Structure formats: C-alpha cells, structure tokens
Amino acid sequence: MSATHLIRISEVFSGLVPEILGILGAEKVKKLGSEFFVFQTESPELITASPAARFIRWHIPVEHSWPCNPEKMEGFVEKAAQSLYYKFESRHPQTVLVGRLDPGSQKPYYKSLASNLRGRTLQVFELPERAPKTAEEQNSSKQTLFCLIGKEGLFAGMASPKAANGLHPGGTKYIAQNADDTVSRAGAKIAEALHYLTMFRPALLADSHWLELGASPGGMTSELLKRGHRVTAIDRAPLDPRLARNPGLTFILDDVAAFIPPRGARYDAILSDMNGPPRQAIAHVTRLHDFLMPGGLVVFTLKSTGAETLPEIDSLEKDVLAIAEKAGLSLIARTHLTYNRQEFTMFFGKV
C-alpha cells in the first residue's frame, strides 16, 4: 500500500536526487520549496534503510496536507489550526512544531506565518502542562506533530524527532554566525552537530577535554572554547590570532600523523574535520582512540569529495565504518548538516 512521505535532500546533492528517489520507489513526486520532496512509495522503510538514507536529511509521513496558497487564503491560520486539531489531537503529540518549506528565503511572511500557526495550534490542542515549550525540550523518542508550510500549502505528520532525524521541522537548527566574531564557518558546523547529538546522548559537561585534529584556522576550536571546554588542537598551520592566550587552549604546531599525546593524556572527545582522504582521516582518529576515555565521543566529518556516485559514497562510508568498528568505535548517528557541503557528520562512541 502506498504511503505519502516528505523528505529533505540538501541542494548540494541535487544531482543525485533522481537516483535517490528511484531507490525509494518514489511516485507522484512533487518538489516543495528548495530542498523538500513529497511523494508516494510502497517501500517507506527504504527512507532509513537503503543507500539513499544518508542523503535524506529529514523526513516525516505526510498524514495531512492542504495544497493551497496561504497568502491568498483568508483565515488560513485558524482553518489550519482547527484541521490539525481534528486530525491529530486524539493521538496526543508531545508538542506541535511548524517550519517553512523554504527556510533560506529572505521573505518574512512565511516565518511569521509559521510562528502564528504554531501559537494558535498550541492554544487549540489540549497539551499537558509539562509539554515542551521549545524544540530542545522535546523527548526525542516521543511523537511530535511536525508541520511545514510554504506557497505550496501545508504538510503535516507525526514522528519522533529521532525518527524524523531532527528536533526542528526540516532538520537541525540553523546556527547564525556573527561575521565580526567568527573564525570560520566550521564553528557553526560543530555547534549544529552538538545540538543534533542531544537526541542520542547527554551533552558533554563543561570543561570536557577535546582533541581536535586538523584544527586550523580554529572555527571549531573557538566554538568549543566558548562552551567552556578545554581543547588540544593539532595542525601544521597556525590558528587564528584571536584564539591566542585562551586558557582552555593547548595548540601544538605539528602534523597530525606525527602527533603523540603526552604520557597520561586522556580526552573526553576527539574531533576530526580534516581535509584529505577519509580513510586516512579515520585512521588518524583510530590511532589515537586509546587516549579516549571509556564512553568517549568522536565527531568525524566524512568528506565525500572525489566520490560522486551513490555506490562510490556508499563504499567510502562502509570502509570508514569498518576501520572505526575494528578499533572499538560504535556508530551513534550520521547526518548531513546545514553547514556540511558534500560531506556527512558522523558520531561514534568508544565501546
């Protein structure tokens, strides 16, 4: 029996969309906004269990849709809130979250509309007093009513944040950058990654010690330091001068391949956003994993540059996973973030 689903595939993978949809057995496909696709399929399990899954940044079953142009619809917010109530209230969602089908748009109308629709829907629904007020307060395993709106209309369905692959409608939280206080875009990448990771494990405590491989110019280093962590950063190139004399930073000007931690060193997490061959990058991580505390975290960027087809990227990831697992690192999650290019962020835990 066909089921309707909404998925998000980042524009950097636009050339692979036909092949991805083909793997999913997608029929009656319609593109919504800049990165969303709604379609019918008889094999919805392939969204999470196929080579196409790594490219699907976020997804929900579409259990209610209202194709319309909200800008031309009088009383849209009230009508939409009432229809969502009659369709979903009896299923007791933990909360209702509303996002935009074109989140990158500079047009303020739909951002305001999403906020107004959520506000009115929360008034209509009979949610418990302790219902989460924000996306971050959700129980990642409980069902949420997710809604997406745009010039194409309203699309809604229920899923847990873990099942949808994001706490927010459409995926992970966009982290704005202050140009005057930003070392590099990588700072927003690690901030978004750690936000996503809270669905799977508690955040690392402040003063946790990170070993960062290939840290220059220091965008991720800066973000970790702002969060109160200590960082040992390794790179052959210097860090941004703005990071100098930070008491939480130890910088070692060295090749990652030659680096040997000092006697007795232990790290709570290892971070690798290194350029270059991914198999070599994960080998550097596994060489150093003995210095990782039990239950420690690894955040690893899988760069897919040079692997252009689905089979090539699939083979690359399988090799990285095999190297990591052989060293005793277990995959926690993998996703594509707002600030990822043709790459994926992978999270491992030390067994």
Protein backbone atom coordinates (compact mmCIF):
# COMPACT_ATOMS: atom_id res chain seq x y z
CA MET A 1 0.00 0.00 0.00
CA SER A 2 1.40 3.40 -0.98
CA ALA A 3 2.28 5.89 1.73
CA THR A 4 2.99 9.59 1.29
CA HIS A 5 6.24 10.96 2.69
CA LEU A 6 8.05 14.28 2.84
CA ILE A 7 11.84 14.24 2.71
CA ARG A 8 14.58 16.84 2.64
CA ILE A 9 17.70 16.49 0.48
CA SER A 10 20.25 19.31 0.65
CA GLU A 11 20.84 21.18 -2.59
CA VAL A 12 24.50 20.12 -2.69
CA PHE A 13 23.21 16.66 -3.64
CA SER A 14 20.70 17.90 -6.22
CA GLY A 15 22.43 15.93 -8.99
CA LEU A 16 21.74 12.68 -7.13
CA VAL A 17 18.04 13.35 -6.45
CA PRO A 18 16.64 11.29 -9.38
CA GLU A 19 18.70 8.28 -8.33
CA ILE A 20 17.76 8.70 -4.66
CA LEU A 21 14.06 8.90 -5.49
CA GLY A 22 14.43 5.89 -7.75
CA ILE A 23 15.88 3.79 -4.92
CA LEU A 24 12.91 4.82 -2.75
CA GLY A 25 10.43 3.74 -5.42
CA ALA A 26 9.01 7.27 -5.35
CA GLU A 27 5.91 8.01 -7.40
CA LYS A 28 3.92 11.22 -7.96
CA VAL A 29 6.91 13.29 -6.89
CA LYS A 30 6.48 17.00 -6.24
CA LYS A 31 9.26 19.36 -5.22
CA LEU A 32 8.37 21.77 -2.42
CA GLY A 33 10.47 24.81 -1.61
CA SER A 34 14.16 24.46 -2.37
CA GLU A 35 15.01 21.08 -0.78
CA PHE A 36 11.81 19.18 0.07
CA PHE A 37 10.10 16.45 -1.93
CA VAL A 38 6.71 14.86 -1.33
CA PHE A 39 5.94 11.52 -2.96
CA GLN A 40 4.22 8.18 -2.62
CA THR A 41 6.07 4.92 -2.12
CA GLU A 42 5.21 1.32 -1.31
CA SER A 43 8.56 0.89 0.46
CA PRO A 44 8.82 3.66 3.11
CA GLU A 45 11.34 1.58 5.07
CA LEU A 46 13.92 2.41 2.39
CA ILE A 47 13.96 6.01 3.62
CA THR A 48 16.00 4.84 6.61
CA ALA A 49 17.39 1.51 5.38
CA SER A 50 18.93 1.96 1.94
CA PRO A 51 21.96 3.64 0.33
CA ALA A 52 19.68 6.63 -0.20
CA ALA A 53 19.18 7.13 3.55
CA ARG A 54 22.40 9.08 4.18
CA PHE A 55 21.25 11.82 1.80
CA ILE A 56 17.85 12.27 3.46
CA ARG A 57 18.40 14.98 5.99
CA TRP A 58 14.89 14.91 7.49
CA HIS A 59 11.60 13.13 6.80
CA ILE A 60 8.04 12.62 8.04
CA PRO A 61 5.00 10.68 6.88
CA VAL A 62 2.50 13.11 5.34
CA GLU A 63 -0.73 12.34 7.17
CA HIS A 64 -2.44 15.63 6.42
CA SER A 65 -1.95 18.05 3.54
CA TRP A 66 -3.71 21.17 2.36
CA PRO A 67 -2.48 22.26 -1.08
CA CYS A 68 -3.20 25.98 -1.23
CA ASN A 69 -1.58 29.39 -1.35
CA PRO A 70 -1.75 30.64 2.27
CA GLU A 71 -1.13 34.24 1.19
CA LYS A 72 -4.39 34.19 -0.75
CA MET A 73 -6.35 32.19 1.81
CA GLU A 74 -8.47 34.28 4.19
CA GLY A 75 -8.30 32.95 7.76
CA PHE A 76 -5.60 30.43 6.91
CA VAL A 77 -4.15 30.20 10.44
CA GLU A 78 -7.48 29.47 12.13
CA LYS A 79 -8.63 27.00 9.48
CA ALA A 80 -5.28 25.18 9.53
CA ALA A 81 -5.18 25.02 13.35
CA GLN A 82 -8.69 23.58 13.52
CA SER A 83 -7.99 20.97 10.84
CA LEU A 84 -4.80 19.89 12.63
CA TYR A 85 -6.76 19.59 15.88
CA TYR A 86 -9.43 17.33 14.40
CA LYS A 87 -6.83 15.17 12.67
CA PHE A 88 -4.18 14.78 15.39
CA GLU A 89 -5.39 15.83 18.85
CA SER A 90 -6.60 12.34 19.77
CA ARG A 91 -3.07 11.00 19.16
CA HIS A 92 -1.67 13.25 21.91
CA PRO A 93 1.50 14.68 20.35
CA GLN A 94 4.06 15.90 22.88
CA THR A 95 4.04 19.28 21.10
CA VAL A 96 3.40 20.94 17.74
CA LEU A 97 6.24 22.46 15.72
CA VAL A 98 5.82 24.44 12.50
CA GLY A 99 8.54 25.25 9.98
CA ARG A 100 8.97 26.60 6.46
CA LEU A 101 9.37 24.70 3.22
CA ASP A 102 11.89 27.32 2.11
CA PRO A 103 13.81 28.13 5.32
CA GLY A 104 16.50 30.06 3.45
CA SER A 105 14.05 32.56 1.99
CA GLN A 106 14.51 36.20 2.96
CA LYS A 107 10.76 36.76 2.69
CA PRO A 108 9.43 37.29 6.25
CA TYR A 109 5.83 36.26 5.53
CA TYR A 110 6.20 32.50 6.00
CA LYS A 111 8.44 32.82 9.06
CA SER A 112 5.73 34.92 10.70
CA LEU A 113 3.01 32.57 9.45
CA ALA A 114 4.78 29.53 10.93
CA SER A 115 5.06 31.26 14.29
CA ASN A 116 1.41 32.34 14.26
CA LEU A 117 0.18 28.88 13.23
CA ARG A 118 2.15 27.18 15.99
CA GLY A 119 0.87 29.66 18.56
CA ARG A 120 -2.76 29.17 17.56
CA THR A 121 -2.42 25.37 17.31
CA LEU A 122 -0.96 25.17 20.82
CA GLN A 123 -4.00 27.11 22.05
CA VAL A 124 -6.36 24.68 20.34
CA PHE A 125 -4.64 21.44 21.39
CA GLU A 126 -5.09 20.14 24.94
CA LEU A 127 -1.43 19.55 25.72
CA PRO A 128 -0.26 18.63 29.23
CA GLU A 129 1.13 21.38 31.47
CA ARG A 130 4.63 19.96 31.17
CA ALA A 131 4.56 19.86 27.37
CA PRO A 132 7.87 21.04 25.88
CA LYS A 133 7.86 24.76 25.15
CA THR A 134 10.78 24.61 22.72
CA ALA A 135 12.15 22.07 20.26
CA GLU A 136 15.15 21.46 22.51
CA GLU A 137 12.92 20.42 25.43
CA GLN A 138 11.33 17.54 23.49
CA ASN A 139 11.72 13.90 24.41
CA SER A 140 13.47 12.73 21.25
CA SER A 141 11.65 9.36 21.37
CA LYS A 142 8.09 10.71 21.76
CA GLN A 143 5.80 11.68 18.89
CA THR A 144 5.68 15.30 17.76
CA LEU A 145 3.29 16.85 15.27
CA PHE A 146 5.57 18.41 12.65
CA CYS A 147 4.11 20.88 10.13
CA LEU A 148 5.74 22.51 7.11
CA ILE A 149 4.20 25.46 5.27
CA GLY A 150 5.03 27.36 2.12
CA LYS A 151 3.49 28.75 -1.03
CA GLU A 152 2.56 25.17 -1.92
CA GLY A 153 0.39 24.77 1.20
CA LEU A 154 0.52 22.84 4.47
CA PHE A 155 2.02 19.36 5.01
CA ALA A 156 1.92 17.63 8.41
CA GLY A 157 2.63 14.31 10.07
CA MET A 158 3.61 12.78 13.38
CA ALA A 159 7.02 11.28 14.18
CA SER A 160 9.52 11.29 17.00
CA PRO A 161 12.48 13.65 16.49
CA LYS A 162 14.79 10.62 16.29
CA ALA A 163 12.65 9.03 13.59
CA ALA A 164 12.44 12.32 11.67
CA ASN A 165 16.20 12.91 12.16
CA GLY A 166 15.91 16.33 13.74
CA LEU A 167 14.44 18.25 16.65
CA HIS A 168 13.19 21.02 14.38
CA PRO A 169 10.78 20.94 11.42
CA GLY A 170 13.08 20.32 8.46
CA GLY A 171 16.00 19.02 10.50
CA THR A 172 18.72 20.58 12.59
CA LYS A 173 18.83 24.08 13.96
CA TYR A 174 20.33 26.82 11.79
CA ILE A 175 23.16 28.46 13.70
CA ALA A 176 23.60 32.10 12.72
CA GLN A 177 27.15 33.44 12.56
CA ASN A 178 28.35 36.87 13.63
CA ALA A 179 30.85 37.92 10.96
CA ASP A 180 32.76 40.09 13.44
CA ASP A 181 33.19 37.24 15.90
CA THR A 182 33.63 34.25 13.58
CA VAL A 183 36.92 32.48 12.93
CA SER A 184 35.35 30.26 10.23
CA ARG A 185 32.04 28.68 9.21
CA ALA A 186 33.20 25.46 10.87
CA GLY A 187 32.22 26.93 14.24
CA ALA A 188 28.56 26.83 13.26
CA LYS A 189 29.04 23.28 11.96
CA ILE A 190 30.20 21.88 15.30
CA ALA A 191 27.54 23.90 17.16
CA GLU A 192 24.85 22.38 14.94
CA ALA A 193 26.40 18.92 15.29
CA LEU A 194 26.36 19.06 19.09
CA HIS A 195 22.76 20.32 19.03
CA TYR A 196 21.78 17.34 16.86
CA LEU A 197 23.66 14.90 19.09
CA THR A 198 21.49 15.74 22.11
CA MET A 199 18.83 13.46 20.60
CA PHE A 200 21.10 10.49 21.23
CA ARG A 201 23.15 11.23 24.35
CA PRO A 202 23.56 13.93 27.00
CA ALA A 203 25.78 16.86 26.11
CA LEU A 204 29.37 16.70 27.32
CA LEU A 205 29.94 18.59 30.54
CA ALA A 206 31.72 21.93 30.50
CA ASP A 207 35.47 21.53 31.00
CA SER A 208 35.47 18.33 28.92
CA HIS A 209 38.78 17.86 27.12
CA TRP A 210 38.68 17.69 23.31
CA LEU A 211 41.46 16.58 20.99
CA GLU A 212 40.96 18.36 17.67
CA LEU A 213 42.77 17.04 14.61
CA GLY A 214 43.43 19.49 11.78
CA ALA A 215 42.14 22.49 13.72
CA SER A 216 43.34 25.47 11.64
CA PRO A 217 42.14 28.21 11.38
CA GLY A 218 40.19 27.41 14.57
CA GLY A 219 36.48 27.83 13.85
CA MET A 220 35.51 24.67 15.70
CA THR A 221 38.14 25.32 18.36
CA SER A 222 36.60 28.72 19.05
CA GLU A 223 33.10 27.26 19.43
CA LEU A 224 34.25 24.55 21.83
CA LEU A 225 36.13 27.09 23.95
CA LYS A 226 33.04 29.31 24.10
CA ARG A 227 31.15 26.33 25.53
CA GLY A 228 33.65 26.03 28.37
CA HIS A 229 35.55 23.03 27.02
CA ARG A 230 39.29 22.54 27.01
CA VAL A 231 40.84 21.90 23.59
CA THR A 232 44.15 20.40 22.50
CA ALA A 233 44.34 21.46 18.85
CA ILE A 234 46.77 19.94 16.34
CA ASP A 235 47.65 21.36 12.92
CA ARG A 236 50.63 22.18 10.71
CA ALA A 237 49.11 25.64 10.13
CA PRO A 238 48.64 28.24 12.89
CA LEU A 239 45.32 29.12 14.49
CA ASP A 240 43.62 32.49 14.20
CA PRO A 241 45.44 35.04 16.43
CA ARG A 242 42.16 35.79 18.22
CA LEU A 243 42.47 32.43 19.97
CA ALA A 244 45.88 33.17 21.43
CA ARG A 245 46.26 33.14 25.20
CA ASN A 246 42.91 31.41 25.76
CA PRO A 247 43.46 29.47 29.00
CA GLY A 248 41.43 26.49 27.76
CA LEU A 249 43.53 26.01 24.61
CA THR A 250 46.67 23.99 24.05
CA PHE A 251 47.88 24.37 20.46
CA ILE A 252 50.52 22.06 19.00
CA LEU A 253 52.02 23.05 15.67
CA ASP A 254 52.56 19.59 14.22
CA ASP A 255 51.44 17.11 11.60
CA VAL A 256 48.54 15.02 12.90
CA ALA A 257 50.31 11.91 11.59
CA ALA A 258 53.32 12.63 13.82
CA PHE A 259 51.43 13.70 16.94
CA ILE A 260 51.79 11.53 20.04
CA PRO A 261 49.83 12.63 23.14
CA PRO A 262 51.88 13.23 26.28
CA ARG A 263 52.10 10.48 28.89
CA GLY A 264 48.90 10.19 30.89
CA ALA A 265 46.82 12.30 28.50
CA ARG A 266 43.13 11.39 28.30
CA TYR A 267 40.45 13.03 26.20
CA ASP A 268 36.68 13.09 26.53
CA ALA A 269 36.19 13.60 22.79
CA ILE A 270 38.09 13.58 19.51
CA LEU A 271 37.08 15.93 16.70
CA SER A 272 38.20 15.49 13.10
CA ASP A 273 37.17 17.82 10.29
CA MET A 274 40.35 17.22 8.30
CA ASN A 275 40.54 17.59 4.55
CA GLY A 276 42.03 14.78 2.55
CA PRO A 277 41.18 11.09 2.04
CA PRO A 278 38.52 9.99 4.58
CA ARG A 279 40.04 6.54 5.06
CA GLN A 280 43.30 8.20 6.09
CA ALA A 281 41.48 10.67 8.34
CA ILE A 282 39.60 7.96 10.25
CA ALA A 283 42.87 6.01 10.59
CA HIS A 284 44.37 9.02 12.40
CA VAL A 285 41.38 9.01 14.75
CA THR A 286 41.60 5.29 15.49
CA ARG A 287 45.36 5.53 16.08
CA LEU A 288 44.62 7.95 18.90
CA HIS A 289 41.48 6.34 20.30
CA ASP A 290 43.40 4.62 23.11
CA PHE A 291 43.72 8.09 24.64
CA LEU A 292 39.93 8.49 24.61
CA MET A 293 38.08 7.99 27.89
CA PRO A 294 35.67 5.00 28.12
CA GLY A 295 32.36 6.09 26.63
CA GLY A 296 34.18 8.96 24.92
CA LEU A 297 32.86 10.71 21.83
CA VAL A 298 34.23 11.02 18.30
CA VAL A 299 32.82 13.64 15.90
CA PHE A 300 34.09 12.88 12.41
CA THR A 301 33.46 14.65 9.10
CA LEU A 302 33.27 12.20 6.22
CA LYS A 303 34.40 14.20 3.18
CA SER A 304 32.98 12.66 0.01
CA THR A 305 34.95 14.79 -2.45
CA GLY A 306 36.03 12.56 -5.33
CA ALA A 307 33.22 10.05 -4.69
CA GLU A 308 30.47 11.34 -6.95
CA THR A 309 28.05 8.43 -7.38
CA LEU A 310 25.86 6.71 -4.80
CA PRO A 311 27.86 3.44 -4.99
CA GLU A 312 31.17 5.33 -4.55
CA ILE A 313 29.89 7.23 -1.50
CA ASP A 314 28.35 4.05 -0.09
CA SER A 315 31.67 2.21 -0.46
CA LEU A 316 33.56 5.09 1.15
CA GLU A 317 31.30 5.17 4.19
CA LYS A 318 31.41 1.38 4.60
CA ASP A 319 35.21 1.48 4.63
CA VAL A 320 35.23 4.27 7.24
CA LEU A 321 32.76 2.34 9.40
CA ALA A 322 34.82 -0.84 9.15
CA ILE A 323 38.00 0.97 10.24
CA ALA A 324 36.19 2.62 13.14
CA GLU A 325 34.46 -0.56 14.32
CA LYS A 326 37.70 -2.55 14.22
CA ALA A 327 39.16 -0.01 16.65
CA GLY A 328 36.21 -0.29 19.03
CA LEU A 329 34.24 2.76 17.93
CA SER A 330 30.49 2.27 17.58
CA LEU A 331 28.40 4.47 15.27
CA ILE A 332 25.87 6.58 17.19
CA ALA A 333 24.40 8.57 14.30
CA ARG A 334 25.19 10.15 10.96
CA THR A 335 23.60 13.15 9.26
CA HIS A 336 24.01 15.99 6.80
CA LEU A 337 24.08 19.42 8.46
CA THR A 338 23.27 22.91 7.20
CA TYR A 339 26.96 23.78 7.02
CA ASN A 340 28.05 20.45 5.53
CA ARG A 341 28.96 20.56 1.88
CA GLN A 342 29.47 17.24 0.07
CA GLU A 343 30.22 15.60 3.39
CA PHE A 344 28.50 13.97 6.35
CA THR A 345 28.97 14.34 10.08
CA MET A 346 29.37 11.00 11.88
CA PHE A 347 29.25 10.39 15.63
CA PHE A 348 30.98 7.44 17.31
CA GLY A 349 31.19 6.29 20.89
CA LYS A 350 34.07 4.33 22.40
CA VAL A 351 32.86 0.88 23.35
